[in-house]
Each structure stands twice: as structure tokens, then as C-alpha cells.
């Protein structure tokens, strides 16, 4: 396994859609949770801590190329022989 294979981040179109949906849902949920915690404790610091934790969780779920993001890969076209004569 080479260094390029480690950095290879391939996800398919359905995986991109799933990652985008998860990003929206997790950020909205962490925003709501942070507002509730901050409001109930009357602490802006707790609001920011809870939101930062939600942001870190979202990044951990969405940024790495998990296998769930590559369940529907698109097949590539087969290379054509360019040496054949065109008639």
C-alpha cells in the first residue's frame, strides 16, 4: 500500500449525496442541542463547547472516505483501440 493509496478519497455520487445530507442533519442537530444546553445553563461557553463537539463529530463522520460512501461505484468505459483503421 503506497502513500497515494492512503490519500485516495474515492466516493461515488450517491455517497456524495449521503455525505451532504449527513452534514446538514448533524450540524442542525448540534446547533439545536447547543442552543438548548446553552440556554438552560445560561452559558455562552457551554453553547460553543457543545457546538464545537458537534462540529468535530460531523467532521469525523463526513470527511474520511468511509466504505458507506462508495457502495454504488460508476463503471469506467473500456479503452478503445486507436490503431484500428476507420472506414
PDB file of N, CA and C in Angstrom:
ATOM      1  N   UNK A   1       0.846  -1.178   0.000  1.00  0.00           N
ATOM      2  CA  UNK A   1       0.000   0.000   0.000  1.00  0.00           C
ATOM      3  C   UNK A   1       0.886   1.233   0.000  1.00  0.00           C
ATOM      4  N   UNK A   2       0.702   2.054  -0.994  1.00  0.00           N
ATOM      5  CA  UNK A   2       1.524   3.250  -1.116  1.00  0.00           C
ATOM      6  C   UNK A   2       0.851   4.435  -0.423  1.00  0.00           C
ATOM      7  N   UNK A   3       1.604   5.508  -0.320  1.00  0.00           N
ATOM      8  CA  UNK A   3       1.100   6.723   0.303  1.00  0.00           C
ATOM      9  C   UNK A   3      -0.053   7.306  -0.503  1.00  0.00           C
ATOM     10  N   UNK A   4       0.005   7.175  -1.818  1.00  0.00           N
ATOM     11  CA  UNK A   4      -1.074   7.669  -2.682  1.00  0.00           C
ATOM     12  C   UNK A   4      -2.362   6.885  -2.444  1.00  0.00           C
ATOM     13  N   UNK A   5      -2.248   5.573  -2.169  1.00  0.00           N
ATOM     14  CA  UNK A   5      -3.437   4.775  -1.880  1.00  0.00           C
ATOM     15  C   UNK A   5      -4.086   5.210  -0.571  1.00  0.00           C
ATOM     16  N   UNK A   6      -3.284   5.625   0.384  1.00  0.00           N
ATOM     17  CA  UNK A   6      -3.820   6.091   1.663  1.00  0.00           C
ATOM     18  C   UNK A   6      -4.590   7.391   1.464  1.00  0.00           C
ATOM     19  N   UNK A   7      -4.073   8.272   0.619  1.00  0.00           N
ATOM     20  CA  UNK A   7      -4.714   9.564   0.386  1.00  0.00           C
ATOM     21  C   UNK A   7      -5.838   9.496  -0.634  1.00  0.00           C
ATOM     22  N   UNK A   8      -6.008   8.357  -1.284  1.00  0.00           N
ATOM     23  CA  UNK A   8      -7.057   8.203  -2.290  1.00  0.00           C
ATOM     24  C   UNK A   8      -8.421   8.318  -1.615  1.00  0.00           C
ATOM     25  N   UNK A   9      -9.195   9.283  -2.036  1.00  0.00           N
ATOM     26  CA  UNK A   9     -10.503   9.537  -1.427  1.00  0.00           C
ATOM     27  C   UNK A   9     -11.580   9.388  -2.480  1.00  0.00           C
ATOM     28  N   UNK A  10     -11.960   8.174  -2.766  1.00  0.00           N
ATOM     29  CA  UNK A  10     -12.966   7.960  -3.796  1.00  0.00           C
ATOM     30  C   UNK A  10     -14.309   7.678  -3.141  1.00  0.00           C
ATOM     31  N   UNK A  11     -15.290   8.464  -3.525  1.00  0.00           N
ATOM     32  CA  UNK A  11     -16.671   8.192  -3.148  1.00  0.00           C
ATOM     33  C   UNK A  11     -17.515   8.385  -4.401  1.00  0.00           C
ATOM     34  N   UNK A  12     -18.639   7.691  -4.449  1.00  0.00           N
ATOM     35  CA  UNK A  12     -19.485   7.785  -5.633  1.00  0.00           C
ATOM     36  C   UNK A  12     -20.510   8.906  -5.472  1.00  0.00           C
ATOM     37  N   UNK A  13     -21.352   9.055  -6.473  1.00  0.00           N
ATOM     38  CA  UNK A  13     -22.335  10.146  -6.464  1.00  0.00           C
ATOM     39  C   UNK A  13     -23.352   9.981  -5.342  1.00  0.00           C
ATOM     40  N   UNK A  14     -23.790   8.755  -5.104  1.00  0.00           N
ATOM     41  CA  UNK A  14     -24.726   8.503  -4.005  1.00  0.00           C
ATOM     42  C   UNK A  14     -24.052   8.770  -2.666  1.00  0.00           C
ATOM     43  N   UNK A  15     -22.765   8.453  -2.567  1.00  0.00           N
ATOM     44  CA  UNK A  15     -22.012   8.732  -1.351  1.00  0.00           C
ATOM     45  C   UNK A  15     -21.870  10.227  -1.103  1.00  0.00           C
ATOM     46  N   UNK A  16     -21.708  10.992  -2.171  1.00  0.00           N
ATOM     47  CA  UNK A  16     -21.649  12.447  -2.028  1.00  0.00           C
ATOM     48  C   UNK A  16     -22.977  12.999  -1.522  1.00  0.00           C
ATOM     49  N   UNK A  17     -24.062  12.460  -2.041  1.00  0.00           N
ATOM     50  CA  UNK A  17     -25.389  12.896  -1.603  1.00  0.00           C
ATOM     51  C   UNK A  17     -25.599  12.548  -0.129  1.00  0.00           C
ATOM     52  N   UNK A  18     -25.205  11.336   0.266  1.00  0.00           N
ATOM     53  CA  UNK A  18     -25.335  10.916   1.655  1.00  0.00           C
ATOM     54  C   UNK A  18     -24.476  11.769   2.579  1.00  0.00           C
ATOM     55  N   UNK A  19     -23.252  12.065   2.164  1.00  0.00           N
ATOM     56  CA  UNK A  19     -22.365  12.903   2.975  1.00  0.00           C
ATOM     57  C   UNK A  19     -22.939  14.304   3.149  1.00  0.00           C
ATOM     58  N   UNK A  20     -23.522  14.851   2.100  1.00  0.00           N
ATOM     59  CA  UNK A  20     -24.118  16.182   2.190  1.00  0.00           C
ATOM     60  C   UNK A  20     -25.330  16.180   3.122  1.00  0.00           C
ATOM     61  N   UNK A  21     -26.177  15.150   3.011  1.00  0.00           N
ATOM     62  CA  UNK A  21     -27.336  15.051   3.894  1.00  0.00           C
ATOM     63  C   UNK A  21     -26.909  14.897   5.350  1.00  0.00           C
ATOM     64  N   UNK A  22     -25.926  14.033   5.599  1.00  0.00           N
ATOM     65  CA  UNK A  22     -25.432  13.858   6.965  1.00  0.00           C
ATOM     66  C   UNK A  22     -24.847  15.148   7.522  1.00  0.00           C
ATOM     67  N   UNK A  23     -24.154  15.901   6.683  1.00  0.00           N
ATOM     68  CA  UNK A  23     -23.595  17.180   7.123  1.00  0.00           C
ATOM     69  C   UNK A  23     -24.698  18.121   7.581  1.00  0.00           C
ATOM     70  N   UNK A  24     -25.730  18.243   6.779  1.00  0.00           N
ATOM     71  CA  UNK A  24     -26.827  19.148   7.130  1.00  0.00           C
ATOM     72  C   UNK A  24     -27.532  18.692   8.406  1.00  0.00           C
ATOM     73  N   UNK A  25     -27.879  17.418   8.474  1.00  0.00           N
ATOM     74  CA  UNK A  25     -28.608  16.915   9.637  1.00  0.00           C
ATOM     75  C   UNK A  25     -27.788  17.038  10.920  1.00  0.00           C
ATOM     76  N   UNK A  26     -26.521  16.639  10.868  1.00  0.00           N
ATOM     77  CA  UNK A  26     -25.698  16.671  12.075  1.00  0.00           C
ATOM     78  C   UNK A  26     -25.425  18.100  12.541  1.00  0.00           C
ATOM     79  N   UNK A  27     -25.212  19.013  11.607  1.00  0.00           N
ATOM     80  CA  UNK A  27     -24.967  20.400  12.020  1.00  0.00           C
ATOM     81  C   UNK A  27     -26.225  21.060  12.584  1.00  0.00           C
ATOM     82  N   UNK A  28     -27.378  20.752  12.004  1.00  0.00           N
ATOM     83  CA  UNK A  28     -28.622  21.308  12.543  1.00  0.00           C
ATOM     84  C   UNK A  28     -28.894  20.729  13.932  1.00  0.00           C
ATOM     85  N   UNK A  29     -28.716  19.417  14.093  1.00  0.00           N
ATOM     86  CA  UNK A  29     -28.925  18.804  15.401  1.00  0.00           C
ATOM     87  C   UNK A  29     -27.954  19.334  16.451  1.00  0.00           C
ATOM     88  N   UNK A  30     -26.698  19.511  16.079  1.00  0.00           N
ATOM     89  CA  UNK A  30     -25.741  20.039  17.051  1.00  0.00           C
ATOM     90  C   UNK A  30     -26.041  21.503  17.372  1.00  0.00           C
ATOM     91  N   UNK A  31     -26.543  22.253  16.413  1.00  0.00           N
ATOM     92  CA  UNK A  31     -26.934  23.636  16.684  1.00  0.00           C
ATOM     93  C   UNK A  31     -28.104  23.713  17.644  1.00  0.00           C
ATOM     94  N   UNK A  32     -29.109  22.865  17.429  1.00  0.00           N
ATOM     95  CA  UNK A  32     -30.266  22.842  18.320  1.00  0.00           C
ATOM     96  C   UNK A  32     -29.854  22.385  19.719  1.00  0.00           C
ATOM     97  N   UNK A  33     -29.049  21.313  19.777  1.00  0.00           N
ATOM     98  CA  UNK A  33     -28.605  20.808  21.082  1.00  0.00           C
ATOM     99  C   UNK A  33     -27.758  21.847  21.808  1.00  0.00           C
ATOM    100  N   UNK A  34     -26.873  22.522  21.094  1.00  0.00           N
ATOM    101  CA  UNK A  34     -26.029  23.519  21.749  1.00  0.00           C
ATOM    102  C   UNK A  34     -26.853  24.701  22.245  1.00  0.00           C
ATOM    103  N   UNK A  35     -27.892  25.094  21.478  1.00  0.00           N
ATOM    104  CA  UNK A  35     -28.753  26.181  21.929  1.00  0.00           C
ATOM    105  C   UNK A  35     -29.508  25.792  23.199  1.00  0.00           C
ATOM    106  N   UNK A  36     -30.033  24.561  23.228  1.00  0.00           N
ATOM    107  CA  UNK A  36     -30.779  24.107  24.407  1.00  0.00           C
ATOM    108  C   UNK A  36     -29.873  24.044  25.628  1.00  0.00           C
ATOM    109  N   UNK A  37     -28.677  23.471  25.468  1.00  0.00           N
ATOM    110  CA  UNK A  37     -27.742  23.379  26.592  1.00  0.00           C
ATOM    111  C   UNK A  37     -27.298  24.768  27.034  1.00  0.00           C
ATOM    112  N   UNK A  38     -26.950  25.624  26.095  1.00  0.00           N
ATOM    113  CA  UNK A  38     -26.507  26.974  26.438  1.00  0.00           C
ATOM    114  C   UNK A  38     -27.591  27.797  27.100  1.00  0.00           C
ATOM    115  N   UNK A  39     -28.832  27.662  26.611  1.00  0.00           N
ATOM    116  CA  UNK A  39     -29.944  28.410  27.179  1.00  0.00           C
ATOM    117  C   UNK A  39     -30.291  27.909  28.579  1.00  0.00           C
ATOM    118  N   UNK A  40     -30.296  26.582  28.741  1.00  0.00           N
ATOM    119  CA  UNK A  40     -30.666  26.031  30.046  1.00  0.00           C
ATOM    120  C   UNK A  40     -29.603  26.318  31.106  1.00  0.00           C
ATOM    121  N   UNK A  41     -28.349  26.371  30.708  1.00  0.00           N
ATOM    122  CA  UNK A  41     -27.271  26.652  31.663  1.00  0.00           C
ATOM    123  C   UNK A  41     -26.909  28.135  31.689  1.00  0.00           C
ATOM    124  N   UNK A  42     -27.525  28.916  30.828  1.00  0.00           N
ATOM    125  CA  UNK A  42     -27.236  30.351  30.724  1.00  0.00           C
ATOM    126  C   UNK A  42     -25.734  30.588  30.544  1.00  0.00           C
ATOM    127  N   UNK A  43     -25.144  29.819  29.628  1.00  0.00           N
ATOM    128  CA  UNK A  43     -23.700  29.889  29.422  1.00  0.00           C
ATOM    129  C   UNK A  43     -23.386  29.869  27.930  1.00  0.00           C
ATOM    130  N   UNK A  44     -22.805  30.951  27.480  1.00  0.00           N
ATOM    131  CA  UNK A  44     -22.373  31.016  26.093  1.00  0.00           C
ATOM    132  C   UNK A  44     -21.193  30.073  25.867  1.00  0.00           C
ATOM    133  N   UNK A  45     -20.384  29.890  26.877  1.00  0.00           N
ATOM    134  CA  UNK A  45     -19.232  29.000  26.765  1.00  0.00           C
ATOM    135  C   UNK A  45     -19.686  27.557  26.533  1.00  0.00           C
ATOM    136  N   UNK A  46     -20.695  27.101  27.259  1.00  0.00           N
ATOM    137  CA  UNK A  46     -21.203  25.736  27.064  1.00  0.00           C
ATOM    138  C   UNK A  46     -21.839  25.589  25.684  1.00  0.00           C
ATOM    139  N   UNK A  47     -22.517  26.636  25.218  1.00  0.00           N
ATOM    140  CA  UNK A  47     -23.094  26.615  23.887  1.00  0.00           C
ATOM    141  C   UNK A  47     -22.003  26.372  22.854  1.00  0.00           C
ATOM    142  N   UNK A  48     -20.913  27.103  22.966  1.00  0.00           N
ATOM    143  CA  UNK A  48     -19.817  26.964  21.997  1.00  0.00           C
ATOM    144  C   UNK A  48     -19.116  25.614  22.124  1.00  0.00           C
ATOM    145  N   UNK A  49     -18.972  25.101  23.338  1.00  0.00           N
ATOM    146  CA  UNK A  49     -18.326  23.801  23.536  1.00  0.00           C
ATOM    147  C   UNK A  49     -19.166  22.685  22.918  1.00  0.00           C
ATOM    148  N   UNK A  50     -20.472  22.707  23.164  1.00  0.00           N
ATOM    149  CA  UNK A  50     -21.348  21.669  22.608  1.00  0.00           C
ATOM    150  C   UNK A  50     -21.382  21.762  21.083  1.00  0.00           C
ATOM    151  N   UNK A  51     -21.424  22.984  20.549  1.00  0.00           N
ATOM    152  CA  UNK A  51     -21.430  23.117  19.099  1.00  0.00           C
ATOM    153  C   UNK A  51     -20.097  22.677  18.492  1.00  0.00           C
ATOM    154  N   UNK A  52     -18.986  22.980  19.152  1.00  0.00           N
ATOM    155  CA  UNK A  52     -17.674  22.537  18.654  1.00  0.00           C
ATOM    156  C   UNK A  52     -17.578  21.014  18.673  1.00  0.00           C
ATOM    157  N   UNK A  53     -18.152  20.383  19.698  1.00  0.00           N
ATOM    158  CA  UNK A  53     -18.163  18.915  19.745  1.00  0.00           C
ATOM    159  C   UNK A  53     -19.009  18.358  18.600  1.00  0.00           C
ATOM    160  N   UNK A  54     -20.151  18.986  18.319  1.00  0.00           N
ATOM    161  CA  UNK A  54     -20.982  18.552  17.190  1.00  0.00           C
ATOM    162  C   UNK A  54     -20.290  18.753  15.859  1.00  0.00           C
ATOM    163  N   UNK A  55     -19.551  19.839  15.740  1.00  0.00           N
ATOM    164  CA  UNK A  55     -18.791  20.098  14.516  1.00  0.00           C
ATOM    165  C   UNK A  55     -17.681  19.060  14.328  1.00  0.00           C
ATOM    166  N   UNK A  56     -17.009  18.703  15.417  1.00  0.00           N
ATOM    167  CA  UNK A  56     -15.960  17.675  15.342  1.00  0.00           C
ATOM    168  C   UNK A  56     -16.555  16.319  14.987  1.00  0.00           C
ATOM    169  N   UNK A  57     -17.707  15.985  15.568  1.00  0.00           N
ATOM    170  CA  UNK A  57     -18.375  14.729  15.246  1.00  0.00           C
ATOM    171  C   UNK A  57     -18.789  14.705  13.775  1.00  0.00           C
ATOM    172  N   UNK A  58     -19.314  15.810  13.285  1.00  0.00           N
ATOM    173  CA  UNK A  58     -19.706  15.902  11.877  1.00  0.00           C
ATOM    174  C   UNK A  58     -18.501  15.716  10.963  1.00  0.00           C
ATOM    175  N   UNK A  59     -17.396  16.345  11.309  1.00  0.00           N
ATOM    176  CA  UNK A  59     -16.179  16.201  10.504  1.00  0.00           C
ATOM    177  C   UNK A  59     -15.685  14.761  10.517  1.00  0.00           C
ATOM    178  N   UNK A  60     -15.768  14.104  11.666  1.00  0.00           N
ATOM    179  CA  UNK A  60     -15.321  12.712  11.774  1.00  0.00           C
ATOM    180  C   UNK A  60     -16.203  11.780  10.947  1.00  0.00           C
ATOM    181  N   UNK A  61     -17.472  12.086  10.849  1.00  0.00           N
ATOM    182  CA  UNK A  61     -18.395  11.239  10.091  1.00  0.00           C
ATOM    183  C   UNK A  61     -18.303  11.502   8.590  1.00  0.00           C
ATOM    184  N   UNK A  62     -18.097  12.756   8.192  1.00  0.00           N
ATOM    185  CA  UNK A  62     -18.242  13.121   6.779  1.00  0.00           C
ATOM    186  C   UNK A  62     -16.923  13.163   6.009  1.00  0.00           C
ATOM    187  N   UNK A  63     -15.851  13.624   6.623  1.00  0.00           N
ATOM    188  CA  UNK A  63     -14.617  13.855   5.862  1.00  0.00           C
ATOM    189  C   UNK A  63     -13.899  12.578   5.422  1.00  0.00           C
ATOM    190  N   UNK A  64     -13.677  11.578   6.288  1.00  0.00           N
ATOM    191  CA  UNK A  64     -12.972  10.388   5.794  1.00  0.00           C
ATOM    192  C   UNK A  64     -13.798   9.620   4.760  1.00  0.00           C
ATOM    193  N   UNK A  65     -13.136   8.977   3.812  1.00  0.00           N
ATOM    194  CA  UNK A  65     -13.877   8.225   2.781  1.00  0.00           C
ATOM    195  C   UNK A  65     -14.298   6.849   3.307  1.00  0.00           C
ATOM    196  N   UNK A  66     -15.294   6.821   4.164  1.00  0.00           N
ATOM    197  CA  UNK A  66     -15.779   5.563   4.725  1.00  0.00           C
ATOM    198  C   UNK A  66     -16.350   4.687   3.609  1.00  0.00           C
ATOM    199  N   UNK A  67     -16.342   3.358   3.798  1.00  0.00           N
ATOM    200  CA  UNK A  67     -16.878   2.460   2.758  1.00  0.00           C
ATOM    201  C   UNK A  67     -18.361   2.697   2.443  1.00  0.00           C
ATOM    202  N   UNK A  68     -19.118   3.259   3.386  1.00  0.00           N
ATOM    203  CA  UNK A  68     -20.540   3.504   3.114  1.00  0.00           C
ATOM    204  C   UNK A  68     -20.743   4.572   2.037  1.00  0.00           C
ATOM    205  N   UNK A  69     -19.689   5.325   1.710  1.00  0.00           N
ATOM    206  CA  UNK A  69     -19.783   6.356   0.684  1.00  0.00           C
ATOM    207  C   UNK A  69     -19.410   5.837  -0.703  1.00  0.00           C
ATOM    208  N   UNK A  70     -19.067   4.561  -0.824  1.00  0.00           N
ATOM    209  CA  UNK A  70     -18.657   4.013  -2.122  1.00  0.00           C
ATOM    210  C   UNK A  70     -19.368   2.689  -2.402  1.00  0.00           C
ATOM    211  N   UNK A  71     -20.672   2.665  -2.156  1.00  0.00           N
ATOM    212  CA  UNK A  71     -21.440   1.445  -2.390  1.00  0.00           C
ATOM    213  C   UNK A  71     -21.951   1.322  -3.819  1.00  0.00           C
ATOM    214  N   UNK A  72     -21.986   2.418  -4.560  1.00  0.00           N
ATOM    215  CA  UNK A  72     -22.516   2.417  -5.926  1.00  0.00           C
ATOM    216  C   UNK A  72     -21.492   3.027  -6.889  1.00  0.00           C
ATOM    217  N   UNK A  73     -20.335   2.394  -7.072  1.00  0.00           N
ATOM    218  CA  UNK A  73     -19.330   2.995  -7.966  1.00  0.00           C
ATOM    219  C   UNK A  73     -19.789   2.954  -9.422  1.00  0.00           C
ATOM    220  N   UNK A  74     -19.384   3.974 -10.155  1.00  0.00           N
ATOM    221  CA  UNK A  74     -19.714   4.054 -11.570  1.00  0.00           C
ATOM    222  C   UNK A  74     -18.648   3.314 -12.374  1.00  0.00           C
ATOM    223  N   UNK A  75     -19.057   2.456 -13.299  1.00  0.00           N
ATOM    224  CA  UNK A  75     -18.061   1.750 -14.111  1.00  0.00           C
ATOM    225  C   UNK A  75     -17.432   2.691 -15.137  1.00  0.00           C
ATOM    226  N   UNK A  76     -16.149   2.505 -15.350  1.00  0.00           N
ATOM    227  CA  UNK A  76     -15.453   3.296 -16.360  1.00  0.00           C
ATOM    228  C   UNK A  76     -15.623   2.637 -17.726  1.00  0.00           C
ATOM    229  N   UNK A  77     -15.531   3.431 -18.781  1.00  0.00           N
ATOM    230  CA  UNK A  77     -15.591   2.890 -20.131  1.00  0.00           C
ATOM    231  C   UNK A  77     -14.310   2.131 -20.439  1.00  0.00           C
ATOM    232  N   UNK A  78     -14.420   1.111 -21.252  1.00  0.00           N
ATOM    233  CA  UNK A  78     -13.250   0.343 -21.660  1.00  0.00           C
ATOM    234  C   UNK A  78     -12.452   1.167 -22.670  1.00  0.00           C
ATOM    235  N   UNK A  79     -11.138   1.106 -22.605  1.00  0.00           N
ATOM    236  CA  UNK A  79     -10.324   1.856 -23.571  1.00  0.00           C
ATOM    237  C   UNK A  79     -10.526   1.315 -24.988  1.00  0.00           C
ATOM    238  N   UNK A  80     -10.571   2.223 -25.932  1.00  0.00           N
ATOM    239  CA  UNK A  80     -10.756   1.824 -27.328  1.00  0.00           C
ATOM    240  C   UNK A  80      -9.385   1.739 -27.998  1.00  0.00           C
ATOM    241  N   UNK A  81      -9.285   0.812 -28.920  1.00  0.00           N
ATOM    242  CA  UNK A  81      -8.036   0.665 -29.674  1.00  0.00           C
ATOM    243  C   UNK A  81      -7.973   1.750 -30.724  1.00  0.00           C
ATOM    244  N   UNK A  82      -6.967   2.596 -30.647  1.00  0.00           N
ATOM    245  CA  UNK A  82      -6.839   3.724 -31.584  1.00  0.00           C
ATOM    246  C   UNK A  82      -6.054   3.331 -32.838  1.00  0.00           C
ATOM    247  N   UNK A  83      -5.526   2.123 -32.886  1.00  0.00           N
ATOM    248  CA  UNK A  83      -4.740   1.686 -34.036  1.00  0.00           C
ATOM    249  C   UNK A  83      -5.603   1.150 -35.182  1.00  0.00           C
ATOM    250  N   UNK A  84      -6.880   0.923 -34.908  1.00  0.00           N
ATOM    251  CA  UNK A  84      -7.745   0.404 -35.967  1.00  0.00           C
ATOM    252  C   UNK A  84      -7.995   1.486 -37.024  1.00  0.00           C
ATOM    253  N   UNK A  85      -8.087   1.043 -38.283  1.00  0.00           N
ATOM    254  CA  UNK A  85      -8.386   1.978 -39.373  1.00  0.00           C
ATOM    255  C   UNK A  85      -9.869   2.312 -39.365  1.00  0.00           C
ATOM    256  N   UNK A  86     -10.130   3.582 -39.549  1.00  0.00           N
ATOM    257  CA  UNK A  86     -11.529   3.986 -39.656  1.00  0.00           C
ATOM    258  C   UNK A  86     -11.927   3.916 -41.124  1.00  0.00           C
ATOM    259  N   UNK A  87     -13.061   3.323 -41.366  1.00  0.00           N
ATOM    260  CA  UNK A  87     -13.504   3.158 -42.756  1.00  0.00           C
ATOM    261  C   UNK A  87     -14.521   4.171 -43.126  1.00  0.00           C
TER     262      UNK A  87
END
